[in-house]
Structure formats: C-alpha cells, structure tokens
Amino acid sequence: MKSHELVRTTLILQNEEFPQEDQRSFQKLYQLHRESLLKILYRFSGDWSQAEDAVHHAFATLFEKRRDYDLAQPLKSLLLTIALNYARIQHRSHARKDSLTGPDHATPTIRDRQSPVEAMIRDLPPEERAIVVLRFYDHASYQEIAQILRIPLGTVKWKMHETIRKLRPRLEALSDEL
C-alpha cells in the first residue's frame, strides 16, 4: 500500500472508533476503487487535484453515511455517484467564481495540455460529459450509467445519441486535419 493511500484512509477513519478489521476492509475498498475513480473523475474535470478531491469526498461521505446508503448496490457505482455529484457542484462553483472575477490568465490552463478530443469532451455540459466519460473511458453499460447518474435509461441513451451527433462534425474535421 502506498503512503498517500494510508494518509487518505487514515484521515477518513480518524474521527471515530472503528474496529481494526473494518479499517482494513475500508482500506481494501479504497485500494480497489481509487485508481479507476481517479481516472474517470480526471476525464470529467480535467484536473487531477479536483479529481482527487472528488474521490476523497466520495470515500469520506460513504464512510460517514454508511448506515444511510443502500450498500446492496455495487460500491463503485455508489462512489461514482457521490464523486460525480461533488465534481458537478465544484464545477458550478468555479464557473460562478470565474464569471465574477474572470479566469486567471497568468497560469497555463488545463486546455493547454489536453488533446483536441479531451478538449471537446471538456466543452460538453456536465451531464453529457459524465455520460461520455462513463461510457467510453469506464466502459460502463447504459444501465450502469443510468444507475450512477440516477436518470432514466432512455434519457442516457438519448443524451448519448445527441452528444455524438453534436461531436461528429468536430471529430470528422479533426480527422481530416490528421
């Protein structure tokens, strides 16, 4: 186990008496899902720091409210739901702040380091971006996406179809440039 994983789980577990066996189970859960959640959240936010914050928030929330959640559903889906909701809230908060103060042009932007396809995905509205990221980067089924985002299956399919329709001309233009 890497030291940063111990620090993250220790921060979550320090506030409450927690049996040693449960601590190990929680750390195993963290190890099992951390990397895949980070990759998905990075694709969603475009920022490793924001992705790490969302993943940590998801695990901390799951731990704090473990008695309130239906743990019969797959834990990765539950963690993704929590993390994506948090990431959307942070995205709205940053967008509001930028609209009031203007973006900081002194530091290089995330877009400077992104591929053109990543930039296209980052330009999508948050819900459409989440669907695309879950489908193409996490290889989630439409049913899993509907469960994670808590929207009807038909809505997921329709939004995916519309998003692809919107992106197709831009992707075709990009392939012509290559």
C-alpha atoms as a PDB file:
ATOM      1  CA  MET A   1       0.000   0.000   0.000  1.00  0.00           C
ATOM      2  CA  LYS A   2       1.333   3.404  -0.955  1.00  0.00           C
ATOM      3  CA  SER A   3       1.834   6.021   1.751  1.00  0.00           C
ATOM      4  CA  HIS A   4      -0.631   8.502   0.192  1.00  0.00           C
ATOM      5  CA  GLU A   5      -3.318   5.803   0.351  1.00  0.00           C
ATOM      6  CA  LEU A   6      -2.653   5.309   4.057  1.00  0.00           C
ATOM      7  CA  VAL A   7      -2.841   9.048   4.673  1.00  0.00           C
ATOM      8  CA  ARG A   8      -6.134   9.411   2.800  1.00  0.00           C
ATOM      9  CA  THR A   9      -7.829   6.491   4.552  1.00  0.00           C
ATOM     10  CA  THR A  10      -6.372   7.474   7.912  1.00  0.00           C
ATOM     11  CA  LEU A  11      -7.870  10.954   7.562  1.00  0.00           C
ATOM     12  CA  ILE A  12     -11.276   9.407   6.945  1.00  0.00           C
ATOM     13  CA  LEU A  13     -11.024   6.860   9.767  1.00  0.00           C
ATOM     14  CA  GLN A  14      -9.518   9.076  12.472  1.00  0.00           C
ATOM     15  CA  ASN A  15     -12.747  10.673  13.696  1.00  0.00           C
ATOM     16  CA  GLU A  16     -14.433   7.564  15.029  1.00  0.00           C
ATOM     17  CA  GLU A  17     -13.715   4.348  16.853  1.00  0.00           C
ATOM     18  CA  PHE A  18     -13.589   1.805  14.097  1.00  0.00           C
ATOM     19  CA  PRO A  19     -12.740  -1.893  14.596  1.00  0.00           C
ATOM     20  CA  GLN A  20      -9.376  -2.879  13.130  1.00  0.00           C
ATOM     21  CA  GLU A  21     -10.958  -5.398  10.747  1.00  0.00           C
ATOM     22  CA  ASP A  22     -13.352  -2.726   9.414  1.00  0.00           C
ATOM     23  CA  GLN A  23     -10.419  -0.357   8.922  1.00  0.00           C
ATOM     24  CA  ARG A  24      -8.645  -2.972   6.823  1.00  0.00           C
ATOM     25  CA  SER A  25     -11.826  -3.602   4.816  1.00  0.00           C
ATOM     26  CA  PHE A  26     -12.235   0.098   4.180  1.00  0.00           C
ATOM     27  CA  GLN A  27      -8.597   0.439   3.108  1.00  0.00           C
ATOM     28  CA  LYS A  28      -9.035  -2.519   0.735  1.00  0.00           C
ATOM     29  CA  LEU A  29     -12.140  -0.877  -0.700  1.00  0.00           C
ATOM     30  CA  TYR A  30     -10.136   2.335  -1.162  1.00  0.00           C
ATOM     31  CA  GLN A  31      -7.289   0.471  -2.890  1.00  0.00           C
ATOM     32  CA  LEU A  32      -9.690  -1.430  -5.118  1.00  0.00           C
ATOM     33  CA  HIS A  33     -11.594   1.580  -6.465  1.00  0.00           C
ATOM     34  CA  ARG A  34      -9.300   4.600  -6.077  1.00  0.00           C
ATOM     35  CA  GLU A  35      -7.415   4.380  -9.376  1.00  0.00           C
ATOM     36  CA  SER A  36     -10.429   3.758 -11.599  1.00  0.00           C
ATOM     37  CA  LEU A  37     -12.413   6.521  -9.869  1.00  0.00           C
ATOM     38  CA  LEU A  38      -9.500   8.935 -10.246  1.00  0.00           C
ATOM     39  CA  LYS A  39      -9.231   8.249 -13.970  1.00  0.00           C
ATOM     40  CA  ILE A  40     -12.952   8.772 -14.512  1.00  0.00           C
ATOM     41  CA  LEU A  41     -13.052  11.936 -12.414  1.00  0.00           C
ATOM     42  CA  TYR A  42      -9.978  13.308 -14.168  1.00  0.00           C
ATOM     43  CA  ARG A  43     -11.670  12.773 -17.525  1.00  0.00           C
ATOM     44  CA  PHE A  44     -14.723  14.550 -16.131  1.00  0.00           C
ATOM     45  CA  SER A  45     -12.953  17.507 -14.512  1.00  0.00           C
ATOM     46  CA  GLY A  46      -9.703  17.726 -16.492  1.00  0.00           C
ATOM     47  CA  ASP A  47      -7.835  18.452 -13.257  1.00  0.00           C
ATOM     48  CA  TRP A  48      -6.036  15.861 -11.103  1.00  0.00           C
ATOM     49  CA  SER A  49      -6.438  17.910  -7.947  1.00  0.00           C
ATOM     50  CA  GLN A  50     -10.191  18.237  -8.423  1.00  0.00           C
ATOM     51  CA  ALA A  51     -10.412  14.544  -9.275  1.00  0.00           C
ATOM     52  CA  GLU A  52      -8.552  13.607  -6.083  1.00  0.00           C
ATOM     53  CA  ASP A  53     -10.782  15.894  -4.022  1.00  0.00           C
ATOM     54  CA  ALA A  54     -13.914  14.305  -5.516  1.00  0.00           C
ATOM     55  CA  VAL A  55     -12.636  10.774  -4.900  1.00  0.00           C
ATOM     56  CA  HIS A  56     -11.657  11.584  -1.325  1.00  0.00           C
ATOM     57  CA  HIS A  57     -15.035  13.256  -0.767  1.00  0.00           C
ATOM     58  CA  ALA A  58     -16.808  10.148  -2.099  1.00  0.00           C
ATOM     59  CA  PHE A  59     -14.966   7.805   0.275  1.00  0.00           C
ATOM     60  CA  ALA A  60     -15.390  10.151   3.241  1.00  0.00           C
ATOM     61  CA  THR A  61     -19.108  10.552   2.523  1.00  0.00           C
ATOM     62  CA  LEU A  62     -19.589   6.807   2.076  1.00  0.00           C
ATOM     63  CA  PHE A  63     -17.861   6.221   5.397  1.00  0.00           C
ATOM     64  CA  GLU A  64     -19.780   8.944   7.265  1.00  0.00           C
ATOM     65  CA  LYS A  65     -23.164   7.884   5.898  1.00  0.00           C
ATOM     66  CA  ARG A  66     -22.531   4.162   5.587  1.00  0.00           C
ATOM     67  CA  ARG A  67     -25.636   3.391   7.634  1.00  0.00           C
ATOM     68  CA  ASP A  68     -27.812   5.551   5.348  1.00  0.00           C
ATOM     69  CA  TYR A  69     -26.729   4.146   1.977  1.00  0.00           C
ATOM     70  CA  ASP A  70     -28.042   1.032   0.298  1.00  0.00           C
ATOM     71  CA  LEU A  71     -24.846  -0.991   0.277  1.00  0.00           C
ATOM     72  CA  ALA A  72     -26.537  -3.750  -1.732  1.00  0.00           C
ATOM     73  CA  GLN A  73     -25.798  -1.820  -4.935  1.00  0.00           C
ATOM     74  CA  PRO A  74     -22.294  -2.028  -6.379  1.00  0.00           C
ATOM     75  CA  LEU A  75     -19.986   0.170  -4.312  1.00  0.00           C
ATOM     76  CA  LYS A  76     -18.175   1.541  -7.353  1.00  0.00           C
ATOM     77  CA  SER A  77     -21.494   2.854  -8.694  1.00  0.00           C
ATOM     78  CA  LEU A  78     -22.305   4.431  -5.346  1.00  0.00           C
ATOM     79  CA  LEU A  79     -18.849   6.006  -5.069  1.00  0.00           C
ATOM     80  CA  LEU A  80     -19.086   7.315  -8.647  1.00  0.00           C
ATOM     81  CA  THR A  81     -22.496   8.849  -7.956  1.00  0.00           C
ATOM     82  CA  ILE A  82     -21.176  10.663  -4.885  1.00  0.00           C
ATOM     83  CA  ALA A  83     -17.954  11.767  -6.606  1.00  0.00           C
ATOM     84  CA  LEU A  84     -19.652  12.991  -9.796  1.00  0.00           C
ATOM     85  CA  ASN A  85     -22.231  14.954  -7.806  1.00  0.00           C
ATOM     86  CA  TYR A  86     -19.428  16.582  -5.842  1.00  0.00           C
ATOM     87  CA  ALA A  87     -17.452  17.301  -9.029  1.00  0.00           C
ATOM     88  CA  ARG A  88     -20.525  18.923 -10.636  1.00  0.00           C
ATOM     89  CA  ILE A  89     -21.021  21.146  -7.606  1.00  0.00           C
ATOM     90  CA  GLN A  90     -17.350  22.156  -7.693  1.00  0.00           C
ATOM     91  CA  HIS A  91     -17.573  22.817 -11.441  1.00  0.00           C
ATOM     92  CA  ARG A  92     -20.567  25.133 -10.935  1.00  0.00           C
ATOM     93  CA  SER A  93     -18.809  26.876  -8.067  1.00  0.00           C
ATOM     94  CA  HIS A  94     -15.662  27.500 -10.148  1.00  0.00           C
ATOM     95  CA  ALA A  95     -17.721  28.631 -13.140  1.00  0.00           C
ATOM     96  CA  ARG A  96     -19.572  31.144 -10.945  1.00  0.00           C
ATOM     97  CA  LYS A  97     -16.304  32.394  -9.460  1.00  0.00           C
ATOM     98  CA  ASP A  98     -14.727  32.757 -12.924  1.00  0.00           C
ATOM     99  CA  SER A  99     -17.729  34.670 -14.210  1.00  0.00           C
ATOM    100  CA  LEU A 100     -17.380  37.146 -11.345  1.00  0.00           C
ATOM    101  CA  THR A 101     -13.582  37.529 -11.334  1.00  0.00           C
ATOM    102  CA  GLY A 102     -12.594  36.344 -14.794  1.00  0.00           C
ATOM    103  CA  PRO A 103     -10.236  33.435 -15.440  1.00  0.00           C
ATOM    104  CA  ASP A 104      -6.643  33.641 -14.287  1.00  0.00           C
ATOM    105  CA  HIS A 105      -4.534  34.100 -17.427  1.00  0.00           C
ATOM    106  CA  ALA A 106      -1.186  34.104 -15.613  1.00  0.00           C
ATOM    107  CA  THR A 107      -1.027  30.329 -15.239  1.00  0.00           C
ATOM    108  CA  PRO A 108      -1.217  27.832 -18.099  1.00  0.00           C
ATOM    109  CA  THR A 109      -4.676  26.361 -18.404  1.00  0.00           C
ATOM    110  CA  ILE A 110      -5.577  22.712 -18.393  1.00  0.00           C
ATOM    111  CA  ARG A 111      -6.656  23.108 -22.018  1.00  0.00           C
ATOM    112  CA  ASP A 112      -3.040  23.889 -22.996  1.00  0.00           C
ATOM    113  CA  ARG A 113      -2.084  20.314 -22.091  1.00  0.00           C
ATOM    114  CA  GLN A 114      -5.153  18.493 -23.454  1.00  0.00           C
ATOM    115  CA  SER A 115      -5.620  16.640 -26.680  1.00  0.00           C
ATOM    116  CA  PRO A 116      -8.240  18.064 -29.037  1.00  0.00           C
ATOM    117  CA  VAL A 117     -10.637  15.199 -28.219  1.00  0.00           C
ATOM    118  CA  GLU A 118     -10.271  15.795 -24.475  1.00  0.00           C
ATOM    119  CA  ALA A 119     -10.964  19.483 -25.068  1.00  0.00           C
ATOM    120  CA  MET A 120     -14.153  18.608 -26.981  1.00  0.00           C
ATOM    121  CA  ILE A 121     -15.295  16.404 -24.114  1.00  0.00           C
ATOM    122  CA  ARG A 122     -14.478  19.132 -21.573  1.00  0.00           C
ATOM    123  CA  ASP A 123     -16.666  21.567 -23.556  1.00  0.00           C
ATOM    124  CA  LEU A 124     -19.737  19.367 -23.093  1.00  0.00           C
ATOM    125  CA  PRO A 125     -22.305  20.196 -20.399  1.00  0.00           C
ATOM    126  CA  PRO A 126     -21.558  18.265 -17.168  1.00  0.00           C
ATOM    127  CA  GLU A 127     -24.257  15.594 -17.536  1.00  0.00           C
ATOM    128  CA  GLU A 128     -23.353  14.864 -21.171  1.00  0.00           C
ATOM    129  CA  ARG A 129     -19.662  14.811 -20.256  1.00  0.00           C
ATOM    130  CA  ALA A 130     -20.365  12.336 -17.441  1.00  0.00           C
ATOM    131  CA  ILE A 131     -22.243  10.030 -19.812  1.00  0.00           C
ATOM    132  CA  VAL A 132     -19.452  10.124 -22.415  1.00  0.00           C
ATOM    133  CA  VAL A 133     -16.709   9.587 -19.837  1.00  0.00           C
ATOM    134  CA  LEU A 134     -18.517   6.693 -18.180  1.00  0.00           C
ATOM    135  CA  ARG A 135     -19.347   5.047 -21.492  1.00  0.00           C
ATOM    136  CA  PHE A 136     -16.068   5.447 -23.370  1.00  0.00           C
ATOM    137  CA  TYR A 137     -13.452   5.637 -20.620  1.00  0.00           C
ATOM    138  CA  ASP A 138     -15.006   3.390 -17.961  1.00  0.00           C
ATOM    139  CA  HIS A 139     -16.829   1.138 -20.462  1.00  0.00           C
ATOM    140  CA  ALA A 140     -19.985   1.317 -18.342  1.00  0.00           C
ATOM    141  CA  SER A 141     -23.216  -0.030 -19.789  1.00  0.00           C
ATOM    142  CA  TYR A 142     -26.112   2.331 -20.372  1.00  0.00           C
ATOM    143  CA  GLN A 143     -27.892   0.693 -17.428  1.00  0.00           C
ATOM    144  CA  GLU A 144     -24.896   1.327 -15.141  1.00  0.00           C
ATOM    145  CA  ILE A 145     -24.695   4.950 -16.313  1.00  0.00           C
ATOM    146  CA  ALA A 146     -28.402   5.424 -15.572  1.00  0.00           C
ATOM    147  CA  GLN A 147     -27.885   3.971 -12.107  1.00  0.00           C
ATOM    148  CA  ILE A 148     -24.802   6.085 -11.363  1.00  0.00           C
ATOM    149  CA  LEU A 149     -26.324   9.348 -12.601  1.00  0.00           C
ATOM    150  CA  ARG A 150     -29.779   8.460 -11.277  1.00  0.00           C
ATOM    151  CA  ILE A 151     -31.538   9.272 -14.508  1.00  0.00           C
ATOM    152  CA  PRO A 152     -33.801   7.082 -16.666  1.00  0.00           C
ATOM    153  CA  LEU A 153     -32.180   4.643 -19.083  1.00  0.00           C
ATOM    154  CA  GLY A 154     -33.964   6.253 -22.032  1.00  0.00           C
ATOM    155  CA  THR A 155     -32.518   9.639 -21.088  1.00  0.00           C
ATOM    156  CA  VAL A 156     -28.992   8.194 -21.035  1.00  0.00           C
ATOM    157  CA  LYS A 157     -29.438   6.693 -24.495  1.00  0.00           C
ATOM    158  CA  TRP A 158     -30.989   9.878 -25.894  1.00  0.00           C
ATOM    159  CA  LYS A 159     -28.285  12.131 -24.415  1.00  0.00           C
ATOM    160  CA  MET A 160     -25.543   9.855 -25.739  1.00  0.00           C
ATOM    161  CA  HIS A 161     -27.095   9.904 -29.205  1.00  0.00           C
ATOM    162  CA  GLU A 162     -27.436  13.703 -29.166  1.00  0.00           C
ATOM    163  CA  THR A 163     -23.919  14.202 -27.825  1.00  0.00           C
ATOM    164  CA  ILE A 164     -22.416  12.012 -30.539  1.00  0.00           C
ATOM    165  CA  ARG A 165     -24.479  13.876 -33.133  1.00  0.00           C
ATOM    166  CA  LYS A 166     -23.062  17.176 -31.827  1.00  0.00           C
ATOM    167  CA  LEU A 167     -19.474  15.907 -31.693  1.00  0.00           C
ATOM    168  CA  ARG A 168     -19.437  14.086 -35.044  1.00  0.00           C
ATOM    169  CA  PRO A 169     -18.718  17.160 -37.259  1.00  0.00           C
ATOM    170  CA  ARG A 170     -15.930  18.313 -34.957  1.00  0.00           C
ATOM    171  CA  LEU A 171     -14.390  14.837 -34.812  1.00  0.00           C
ATOM    172  CA  GLU A 172     -14.610  14.464 -38.591  1.00  0.00           C
ATOM    173  CA  ALA A 173     -12.917  17.858 -39.035  1.00  0.00           C
ATOM    174  CA  LEU A 174     -10.211  16.761 -36.611  1.00  0.00           C
ATOM    175  CA  SER A 175      -9.614  13.510 -38.512  1.00  0.00           C
ATOM    176  CA  ASP A 176      -9.327  15.499 -41.755  1.00  0.00           C
ATOM    177  CA  GLU A 177      -6.563  17.596 -40.156  1.00  0.00           C
ATOM    178  CA  LEU A 178      -4.601  14.499 -39.223  1.00  0.00           C
END
